Amino acid sequence: MRGSSALRASVLGMALLPVVAAANGRAPLTNGVFLKPGDPHTALVRTTFGLLVSQDDGCSFHWVCEKAIGYGGEFDPKYAIATDGTIFATTFTGLRVSRDGGCTWVTATAETPVGDPGRVADIWIDALDIGPSGEVWVATAESARANNIYRSTDNGLTFAPRNMESPTIWWKSIKVARSDAQRVYVAGYQVAGTLADGGQSPPTAHLLRSSNGGDAWTELPLAGSPTMQFGSTPIVFVAAVDPTQPDTLLLTSLGANGMGDRLYRSIDAGATFEEVLATTTPIKDVVFTTGGPVMVASLGGSFQSIDNGKTFAPLVGTPQLGCLAQRSDGQLVGCGANWEPDFKAVAVASPTATSWQKQFRFVELAGPLQCPVGSTSQQLCDPSWPALQQQFGATGPTACGVEPPTVDATPMPKPGGGCCDAGEASPLGAVALVGLVVVLGRRRRTR
């Protein structure tokens, strides 16, 4: 009977949510920014309800829904933009690619025969980077098959494995040095396993380096480092590589400081590390700014280093930075809180980060991405736009650089009634039914 009461309460709770379909259980917020190399006018902003695309210096942002990109639920793809504007997105079922600015999406190598060593479709792509010469690098993190590192030299049309196949390691991050396309760092997480004597091997973090484009790899001694600490699950990310010094990199150890992370610095290509920062909340982004400080974005307070990452000090007056990147013209772009306390879903600042200005809020959404009839985004996103527009009270962009005349007082939607892939308004009974299905049958892939 106890379970029956809980079920009735869940259904009732779903029925009382705002009349917007297909929420994913998260409050609407921005949590990633991805910039086109050499183009200060184009930006992709990741949100908990899809992707926002701006091609006019942030004056207007258009929406691409999750379904068009090829994912759903509480998942945040990693994105990258090539110099020709091709957009890449990681998903549980492969690398999704758009070559027309976000209108049409396809899965890379979907036409390659099953069993071909270069096929990266139908597998979780969890790491992505584009090298300075245009090579597209991806890494897989699937639990049901061996994982590997792959490289494409034709802008994502075909891929080739790079000698890192492992049945036990999930590859979590990959970074190519901006000053040396042959220098590649990759980090992974090895799950616990059974030893030959029947014992259990502990889960282990791994970091490897290649100096010849993935022809050969060197394991770097994380486990033996006397200064390296790990969270309960030992996962490290290659956070950033110095754009002018390929031997200098910053490594994040997830959850190694309670609810926060620890940041480590190496100046000898990963042979040794020293701790340079411990945060109380997760580190979101690390950026070597051009000719300026190294910056660390964290919701609980951000930091900067004026000695190339040796020491860090708190940044004063920043938004709650859930993401950070630097445009090719030097301007900083960050994710803030759309409502209190920032009223800045996207914020911009000079390279010194001394003053942050609002660039965009959800009320200024310009609508779905304008795409040809029959394209992926037009078919899947346009029908969902009216509900999303109503939820945010979206009235379109203001004049570029001009603040709205009054502060939008629209209350923040509750996490349970979110807007992700929002559909048309539906009767309360239908919402309750959706809630029942979610409670009873939702399956979420987790790692």
Protein backbone atom coordinates (compact mmCIF):
# COMPACT_ATOMS: atom_id res chain seq x y z
CA MET A 1 0.00 0.00 0.00
CA ARG A 2 2.90 2.29 0.68
CA GLY A 3 4.02 1.99 -2.95
CA SER A 4 0.47 2.65 -4.13
CA SER A 5 0.30 5.90 -2.14
CA ALA A 6 3.62 7.05 -3.55
CA LEU A 7 2.42 6.31 -7.07
CA ARG A 8 -0.77 8.33 -6.56
CA ALA A 9 1.26 11.22 -5.17
CA SER A 10 3.59 11.10 -8.18
CA VAL A 11 0.69 11.16 -10.64
CA LEU A 12 -0.97 14.04 -8.76
CA GLY A 13 2.30 15.96 -8.71
CA MET A 14 2.70 15.55 -12.44
CA ALA A 15 -0.90 16.71 -13.01
CA LEU A 16 -0.19 19.93 -11.12
CA LEU A 17 2.84 20.84 -13.22
CA PRO A 18 2.62 23.64 -15.79
CA VAL A 19 0.86 22.45 -18.95
CA VAL A 20 4.03 21.85 -20.98
CA ALA A 21 4.88 18.41 -22.31
CA ALA A 22 8.09 16.35 -22.22
CA ALA A 23 10.08 17.93 -19.40
CA ASN A 24 13.38 16.28 -18.49
CA GLY A 25 13.34 17.16 -14.81
CA ARG A 26 15.86 20.03 -14.87
CA ALA A 27 15.43 23.76 -14.52
CA PRO A 28 16.17 25.71 -17.72
CA LEU A 29 19.70 27.04 -17.70
CA THR A 30 22.76 27.55 -19.90
CA ASN A 31 25.72 25.28 -19.23
CA GLY A 32 28.09 25.35 -22.19
CA VAL A 33 29.43 27.69 -24.88
CA PHE A 34 31.25 26.60 -28.05
CA LEU A 35 32.80 29.05 -30.51
CA LYS A 36 33.73 28.88 -34.16
CA PRO A 37 37.50 29.30 -34.67
CA GLY A 38 38.42 32.67 -36.15
CA ASP A 39 34.80 33.86 -36.18
CA PRO A 40 33.73 36.15 -33.32
CA HIS A 41 30.17 36.34 -34.66
CA THR A 42 29.10 32.67 -34.26
CA ALA A 43 28.40 30.95 -30.95
CA LEU A 44 26.61 27.81 -29.79
CA VAL A 45 25.17 27.87 -26.28
CA ARG A 46 24.17 24.57 -24.70
CA THR A 47 21.11 24.60 -22.47
CA THR A 48 19.08 22.05 -20.55
CA PHE A 49 16.39 22.36 -23.23
CA GLY A 50 18.46 22.15 -26.42
CA LEU A 51 20.98 24.24 -28.33
CA LEU A 52 20.96 28.00 -28.99
CA VAL A 53 22.64 29.31 -32.14
CA SER A 54 23.77 32.91 -32.72
CA GLN A 55 25.46 34.13 -35.89
CA ASP A 56 25.27 37.88 -35.21
CA ASP A 57 27.56 38.55 -32.24
CA GLY A 58 24.90 37.37 -29.79
CA CYS A 59 22.28 39.88 -30.88
CA SER A 60 19.81 37.03 -31.47
CA PHE A 61 19.68 33.39 -30.45
CA HIS A 62 17.64 30.71 -32.22
CA TRP A 63 16.65 27.37 -30.70
CA VAL A 64 17.42 23.83 -31.88
CA CYS A 65 15.51 21.15 -29.95
CA GLU A 66 17.10 18.05 -28.43
CA LYS A 67 15.24 15.64 -30.73
CA ALA A 68 16.73 17.22 -33.84
CA ILE A 69 20.26 16.81 -32.50
CA GLY A 70 19.57 13.23 -31.47
CA TYR A 71 19.40 12.98 -27.69
CA GLY A 72 17.06 13.52 -24.76
CA GLY A 73 16.75 13.32 -21.00
CA GLU A 74 19.29 14.60 -18.51
CA PHE A 75 22.19 14.53 -20.94
CA ASP A 76 24.50 17.33 -22.08
CA PRO A 77 26.28 16.78 -25.41
CA LYS A 78 29.75 18.09 -26.01
CA TYR A 79 29.89 20.28 -29.12
CA ALA A 80 32.63 21.50 -31.45
CA ILE A 81 32.56 23.75 -34.53
CA ALA A 82 34.96 23.36 -37.45
CA THR A 83 36.35 26.34 -39.33
CA ASP A 84 33.86 25.73 -42.15
CA GLY A 85 30.93 25.86 -39.69
CA THR A 86 30.30 22.10 -39.41
CA ILE A 87 28.81 21.33 -35.99
CA PHE A 88 29.61 18.10 -34.13
CA ALA A 89 27.70 16.79 -31.09
CA THR A 90 28.39 13.75 -28.89
CA THR A 91 25.46 11.44 -28.08
CA PHE A 92 24.85 7.98 -26.65
CA THR A 93 24.26 6.63 -30.16
CA GLY A 94 27.11 8.21 -32.09
CA LEU A 95 28.55 11.50 -33.30
CA ARG A 96 25.87 13.77 -34.71
CA VAL A 97 26.89 16.19 -37.47
CA SER A 98 25.26 19.26 -39.04
CA ARG A 99 26.84 20.86 -42.09
CA ASP A 100 24.18 23.55 -42.58
CA GLY A 101 24.35 25.48 -39.31
CA GLY A 102 22.11 23.21 -37.23
CA CYS A 103 19.19 22.51 -39.60
CA THR A 104 20.01 18.99 -40.79
CA TRP A 105 21.60 16.39 -38.50
CA VAL A 106 23.04 12.99 -39.43
CA THR A 107 25.04 10.33 -37.58
CA ALA A 108 28.68 10.10 -38.63
CA THR A 109 29.59 6.80 -40.38
CA ALA A 110 25.99 5.54 -40.19
CA GLU A 111 26.43 4.19 -43.73
CA THR A 112 29.65 2.37 -42.84
CA PRO A 113 29.09 -1.42 -42.53
CA VAL A 114 28.69 -2.84 -39.05
CA GLY A 115 32.00 -4.31 -37.95
CA ASP A 116 34.09 -1.84 -39.93
CA PRO A 117 36.91 -0.58 -37.64
CA GLY A 118 36.11 3.02 -38.58
CA ARG A 119 32.42 2.92 -37.68
CA VAL A 120 31.59 5.24 -34.77
CA ALA A 121 27.80 5.06 -35.13
CA ASP A 122 25.61 3.34 -32.52
CA ILE A 123 28.13 3.86 -29.71
CA TRP A 124 28.46 6.41 -26.92
CA ILE A 125 30.81 9.18 -28.03
CA ASP A 126 31.90 10.88 -24.81
CA ALA A 127 34.90 12.99 -25.85
CA LEU A 128 35.42 15.37 -28.77
CA ASP A 129 38.01 17.86 -29.98
CA ILE A 130 39.11 19.44 -33.25
CA GLY A 131 42.84 19.87 -33.76
CA PRO A 132 44.52 22.98 -35.19
CA SER A 133 44.82 21.30 -38.61
CA GLY A 134 41.13 20.38 -38.70
CA GLU A 135 41.35 16.73 -37.63
CA VAL A 136 38.26 15.63 -35.69
CA TRP A 137 39.06 13.45 -32.67
CA VAL A 138 36.47 11.44 -30.74
CA ALA A 139 36.62 8.86 -27.95
CA THR A 140 34.05 6.28 -26.88
CA ALA A 141 32.78 5.24 -23.44
CA GLU A 142 30.48 2.30 -24.05
CA SER A 143 30.01 -0.40 -21.42
CA ALA A 144 28.89 -3.15 -23.79
CA ARG A 145 31.90 -3.22 -26.13
CA ALA A 146 35.56 -2.25 -26.40
CA ASN A 147 36.32 1.48 -26.59
CA ASN A 148 38.83 3.37 -28.69
CA ILE A 149 40.12 6.74 -29.85
CA TYR A 150 39.29 7.76 -33.42
CA ARG A 151 40.53 10.46 -35.80
CA SER A 152 38.97 11.91 -38.94
CA THR A 153 41.04 13.79 -41.51
CA ASP A 154 38.06 14.59 -43.79
CA ASN A 155 35.91 16.70 -41.43
CA GLY A 156 33.99 13.80 -39.92
CA LEU A 157 33.06 11.85 -43.03
CA THR A 158 35.23 8.85 -42.11
CA PHE A 159 37.15 7.84 -39.00
CA ALA A 160 40.11 5.60 -38.21
CA PRO A 161 40.97 4.05 -34.82
CA ARG A 162 44.15 5.31 -33.18
CA ASN A 163 45.52 2.26 -31.35
CA MET A 164 43.74 2.72 -28.02
CA GLU A 165 41.21 -0.12 -28.00
CA SER A 166 40.33 -1.25 -24.48
CA PRO A 167 37.58 -3.54 -23.17
CA THR A 168 37.75 -1.99 -19.68
CA ILE A 169 38.46 1.74 -20.10
CA TRP A 170 35.84 4.39 -20.86
CA TRP A 171 37.57 7.32 -22.58
CA LYS A 172 36.25 10.53 -21.01
CA SER A 173 38.18 13.48 -22.48
CA ILE A 174 40.57 14.33 -25.28
CA LYS A 175 42.55 17.51 -26.05
CA VAL A 176 44.81 18.35 -28.98
CA ALA A 177 47.49 21.02 -28.43
CA ARG A 178 46.77 24.17 -30.43
CA SER A 179 50.48 24.66 -31.18
CA ASP A 180 51.19 21.04 -32.20
CA ALA A 181 48.56 18.96 -34.00
CA GLN A 182 50.57 15.80 -33.25
CA ARG A 183 50.36 16.27 -29.46
CA VAL A 184 47.23 14.65 -28.07
CA TYR A 185 46.21 13.98 -24.46
CA VAL A 186 43.44 11.53 -23.54
CA ALA A 187 41.98 10.59 -20.16
CA GLY A 188 39.87 7.57 -19.27
CA TYR A 189 38.29 5.66 -16.43
CA GLN A 190 38.91 1.94 -15.94
CA VAL A 191 36.15 0.10 -14.11
CA ALA A 192 36.86 -2.46 -11.42
CA GLY A 193 37.70 -5.88 -12.80
CA THR A 194 38.49 -9.44 -11.86
CA LEU A 195 42.14 -10.45 -11.60
CA ALA A 196 43.62 -13.79 -12.63
CA ASP A 197 43.72 -14.91 -8.98
CA GLY A 198 40.05 -14.09 -8.51
CA GLY A 199 40.61 -10.80 -6.73
CA GLN A 200 39.22 -7.45 -7.76
CA SER A 201 41.26 -4.69 -9.39
CA PRO A 202 40.23 -1.22 -8.18
CA PRO A 203 38.79 1.40 -10.55
CA THR A 204 41.60 3.52 -11.98
CA ALA A 205 42.06 6.85 -13.70
CA HIS A 206 44.24 6.90 -16.81
CA LEU A 207 46.04 9.66 -18.70
CA LEU A 208 47.99 9.07 -21.91
CA ARG A 209 49.97 11.24 -24.31
CA SER A 210 50.76 10.91 -27.99
CA SER A 211 53.40 12.99 -29.75
CA ASN A 212 52.82 11.55 -33.22
CA GLY A 213 49.11 11.94 -33.89
CA GLY A 214 48.06 8.75 -32.16
CA ASP A 215 50.50 6.33 -33.77
CA ALA A 216 51.91 5.58 -30.32
CA TRP A 217 50.85 6.46 -26.76
CA THR A 218 52.66 6.90 -23.44
CA GLU A 219 50.87 6.11 -20.17
CA LEU A 220 51.42 8.90 -17.64
CA PRO A 221 51.87 7.91 -13.97
CA LEU A 222 48.75 9.31 -12.29
CA ALA A 223 48.40 6.44 -9.86
CA GLY A 224 51.95 6.88 -8.60
CA SER A 225 51.79 10.64 -8.16
CA PRO A 226 52.13 11.54 -4.45
CA THR A 227 50.08 14.74 -4.90
CA MET A 228 47.19 13.45 -6.99
CA GLN A 229 43.89 12.91 -5.17
CA PHE A 230 40.73 11.37 -6.59
CA GLY A 231 37.04 11.30 -5.89
CA SER A 232 35.18 8.15 -4.90
CA THR A 233 35.11 7.38 -8.63
CA PRO A 234 38.61 8.20 -9.95
CA ILE A 235 37.90 10.27 -13.07
CA VAL A 236 40.19 12.95 -14.46
CA PHE A 237 39.56 15.34 -17.36
CA VAL A 238 42.13 17.04 -19.52
CA ALA A 239 40.81 20.52 -18.80
CA ALA A 240 43.07 22.63 -21.02
CA VAL A 241 46.41 22.68 -22.82
CA ASP A 242 48.44 25.87 -23.06
CA PRO A 243 47.88 27.13 -26.64
CA THR A 244 51.56 28.06 -27.04
CA GLN A 245 53.26 25.41 -24.86
CA PRO A 246 52.10 21.84 -25.61
CA ASP A 247 53.93 20.51 -22.54
CA THR A 248 51.80 22.62 -20.17
CA LEU A 249 48.37 21.23 -19.30
CA LEU A 250 45.76 21.46 -16.57
CA LEU A 251 43.98 18.36 -15.31
CA THR A 252 40.74 18.22 -13.30
CA SER A 253 40.18 15.44 -10.75
CA LEU A 254 36.41 15.15 -10.39
CA GLY A 255 34.95 15.10 -6.89
CA ALA A 256 38.39 15.07 -5.30
CA ASN A 257 37.47 17.89 -2.88
CA GLY A 258 34.14 16.79 -1.46
CA MET A 259 31.49 18.38 -3.67
CA GLY A 260 34.23 20.21 -5.56
CA ASP A 261 37.18 19.32 -7.78
CA ARG A 262 40.95 19.64 -7.67
CA LEU A 263 42.97 21.18 -10.47
CA TYR A 264 46.49 19.97 -11.26
CA ARG A 265 49.18 21.51 -13.46
CA SER A 266 51.96 19.86 -15.43
CA ILE A 267 54.76 21.64 -17.31
CA ASP A 268 56.49 18.45 -18.46
CA ALA A 269 53.82 16.94 -20.74
CA GLY A 270 52.10 15.08 -17.92
CA ALA A 271 55.14 13.38 -16.39
CA THR A 272 54.51 15.14 -13.06
CA PHE A 273 51.68 17.25 -11.60
CA GLU A 274 51.20 19.71 -8.78
CA GLU A 275 47.90 20.82 -7.28
CA VAL A 276 47.09 24.47 -8.04
CA LEU A 277 43.43 24.85 -7.01
CA ALA A 278 40.69 23.13 -4.99
CA THR A 279 37.09 24.25 -5.51
CA THR A 280 33.95 23.70 -3.44
CA THR A 281 31.77 23.16 -6.54
CA PRO A 282 32.53 21.36 -9.81
CA ILE A 283 34.85 23.06 -12.30
CA LYS A 284 32.92 23.81 -15.50
CA ASP A 285 35.59 25.21 -17.83
CA VAL A 286 39.28 26.14 -17.83
CA VAL A 287 40.50 28.69 -20.37
CA PHE A 288 44.00 29.88 -21.28
CA THR A 289 42.99 33.34 -22.47
CA THR A 290 44.97 34.98 -25.28
CA GLY A 291 47.60 37.20 -23.74
CA GLY A 292 45.80 37.20 -20.40
CA PRO A 293 45.10 35.10 -17.32
CA VAL A 294 44.14 31.46 -17.04
CA MET A 295 40.51 31.38 -15.93
CA VAL A 296 38.51 28.70 -14.13
CA ALA A 297 34.70 28.79 -14.24
CA SER A 298 32.80 27.34 -11.29
CA LEU A 299 29.26 28.00 -10.04
CA GLY A 300 30.45 28.47 -6.47
CA GLY A 301 33.01 31.11 -7.47
CA SER A 302 35.43 31.50 -10.35
CA PHE A 303 39.19 32.02 -10.33
CA GLN A 304 42.04 33.42 -12.37
CA SER A 305 45.78 32.94 -12.56
CA ILE A 306 48.20 35.62 -13.75
CA ASP A 307 51.22 33.27 -13.65
CA ASN A 308 50.09 30.78 -16.30
CA GLY A 309 48.31 28.47 -13.89
CA LYS A 310 50.82 28.22 -11.03
CA THR A 311 48.53 29.97 -8.53
CA PHE A 312 44.90 31.08 -8.59
CA ALA A 313 42.92 33.85 -6.91
CA PRO A 314 39.12 34.36 -6.75
CA LEU A 315 37.48 36.45 -9.46
CA VAL A 316 35.28 39.22 -8.07
CA GLY A 317 32.01 40.34 -9.62
CA THR A 318 31.50 37.44 -12.01
CA PRO A 319 28.17 35.77 -12.72
CA GLN A 320 27.61 32.20 -11.57
CA LEU A 321 29.74 30.91 -14.41
CA GLY A 322 28.39 27.59 -15.63
CA CYS A 323 30.57 27.82 -18.75
CA LEU A 324 33.34 29.98 -20.18
CA ALA A 325 35.07 30.52 -23.53
CA GLN A 326 36.99 33.26 -25.34
CA ARG A 327 36.08 34.54 -28.78
CA SER A 328 38.70 35.10 -31.45
CA ASP A 329 38.43 38.87 -30.85
CA GLY A 330 39.31 38.39 -27.17
CA GLN A 331 35.87 38.85 -25.66
CA LEU A 332 34.90 36.40 -22.91
CA VAL A 333 31.56 34.59 -23.08
CA GLY A 334 30.07 32.87 -20.06
CA CYS A 335 26.90 31.16 -18.81
CA GLY A 336 25.13 32.92 -15.97
CA ALA A 337 21.80 32.53 -14.18
CA ASN A 338 18.86 33.64 -16.32
CA TRP A 339 16.95 34.68 -13.20
CA GLU A 340 18.39 35.57 -9.79
CA PRO A 341 21.08 36.46 -8.97
CA ASP A 342 22.57 37.29 -12.39
CA PHE A 343 19.69 37.92 -14.81
CA LYS A 344 22.18 36.94 -17.51
CA ALA A 345 21.70 33.60 -19.30
CA VAL A 346 24.69 34.57 -21.45
CA ALA A 347 27.14 37.19 -20.24
CA VAL A 348 30.13 38.83 -21.93
CA ALA A 349 33.21 40.59 -20.61
CA SER A 350 36.48 42.07 -21.74
CA PRO A 351 39.59 39.82 -21.59
CA THR A 352 40.31 41.13 -18.08
CA ALA A 353 36.88 39.93 -16.84
CA THR A 354 36.47 43.04 -14.73
CA SER A 355 32.91 43.83 -15.81
CA TRP A 356 30.27 41.41 -17.10
CA GLN A 357 27.33 42.54 -19.21
CA LYS A 358 24.13 40.76 -20.10
CA GLN A 359 24.11 39.52 -23.70
CA PHE A 360 21.02 37.32 -23.67
CA ARG A 361 18.11 36.11 -21.54
CA PHE A 362 15.51 33.48 -22.32
CA VAL A 363 12.78 36.10 -22.78
CA GLU A 364 14.77 37.30 -25.80
CA LEU A 365 14.66 34.00 -27.69
CA ALA A 366 14.20 34.73 -31.40
CA GLY A 367 12.38 31.48 -32.16
CA PRO A 368 13.40 28.15 -33.66
CA LEU A 369 16.34 28.11 -36.05
CA GLN A 370 15.11 29.21 -39.46
CA CYS A 371 15.55 26.08 -41.57
CA PRO A 372 14.31 24.77 -44.94
CA VAL A 373 11.06 22.84 -45.01
CA GLY A 374 11.76 19.15 -44.52
CA SER A 375 15.03 19.60 -42.62
CA THR A 376 15.54 17.82 -39.31
CA SER A 377 15.15 20.92 -37.15
CA GLN A 378 12.19 22.31 -39.09
CA GLN A 379 10.24 19.08 -38.76
CA LEU A 380 11.04 18.32 -35.12
CA CYS A 381 11.50 21.73 -33.50
CA ASP A 382 9.03 24.12 -35.15
CA PRO A 383 5.93 22.35 -33.74
CA SER A 384 7.38 22.58 -30.21
CA TRP A 385 8.23 26.27 -30.33
CA PRO A 386 4.82 27.73 -29.24
CA ALA A 387 4.96 25.93 -25.89
CA LEU A 388 8.54 27.00 -25.24
CA GLN A 389 7.75 30.57 -26.25
CA GLN A 390 4.82 30.64 -23.85
CA GLN A 391 6.85 29.20 -20.98
CA PHE A 392 9.53 31.90 -21.24
CA GLY A 393 7.21 34.66 -22.38
CA ALA A 394 9.65 35.09 -25.24
CA THR A 395 9.18 38.36 -27.11
CA GLY A 396 12.25 38.21 -29.33
CA PRO A 397 15.64 39.92 -29.21
CA THR A 398 16.11 43.50 -28.10
CA ALA A 399 18.32 45.92 -30.03
CA CYS A 400 21.89 44.70 -29.91
CA GLY A 401 23.66 46.09 -26.88
CA VAL A 402 20.53 47.72 -25.42
CA GLU A 403 19.11 46.47 -22.15
CA PRO A 404 15.35 45.74 -21.97
CA PRO A 405 13.46 48.70 -20.45
CA THR A 406 12.34 46.65 -17.44
CA VAL A 407 13.63 43.57 -15.66
CA ASP A 408 11.67 40.48 -16.64
CA ALA A 409 9.88 39.23 -13.55
CA THR A 410 8.81 35.88 -14.99
CA PRO A 411 9.28 33.34 -12.19
CA MET A 412 11.78 30.60 -12.84
CA PRO A 413 10.04 27.38 -13.96
CA LYS A 414 10.30 24.66 -11.37
CA PRO A 415 12.66 21.77 -12.18
CA GLY A 416 9.78 19.32 -12.42
CA GLY A 417 7.91 21.36 -15.03
CA GLY A 418 10.76 22.16 -17.36
CA CYS A 419 10.80 23.03 -20.99
CA CYS A 420 13.17 20.59 -22.55
CA ASP A 421 11.83 19.54 -25.94
CA ALA A 422 8.63 21.31 -24.96
CA GLY A 423 5.66 20.20 -26.99
CA GLU A 424 2.23 21.69 -27.60
CA ALA A 425 0.09 22.50 -24.56
CA SER A 426 -1.92 19.47 -23.49
CA PRO A 427 -4.82 18.79 -21.14
CA LEU A 428 -4.01 18.13 -17.50
CA GLY A 429 -5.15 14.55 -17.85
CA ALA A 430 -2.63 13.97 -20.60
CA VAL A 431 0.13 15.47 -18.48
CA ALA A 432 -0.82 13.19 -15.62
CA LEU A 433 -0.67 10.22 -17.95
CA VAL A 434 2.79 11.28 -19.13
CA GLY A 435 3.81 11.52 -15.48
CA LEU A 436 2.56 8.01 -14.80
CA VAL A 437 4.50 6.62 -17.75
CA VAL A 438 7.63 8.45 -16.63
CA VAL A 439 7.30 7.14 -13.07
CA LEU A 440 6.73 3.56 -14.14
CA GLY A 441 8.71 3.15 -17.32
CA ARG A 442 11.46 5.70 -17.74
CA ARG A 443 14.82 4.13 -18.49
CA ARG A 444 17.85 6.36 -18.21
CA ARG A 445 21.31 5.40 -19.46
CA THR A 446 23.85 6.33 -16.84
CA ARG A 447 27.55 5.84 -16.38
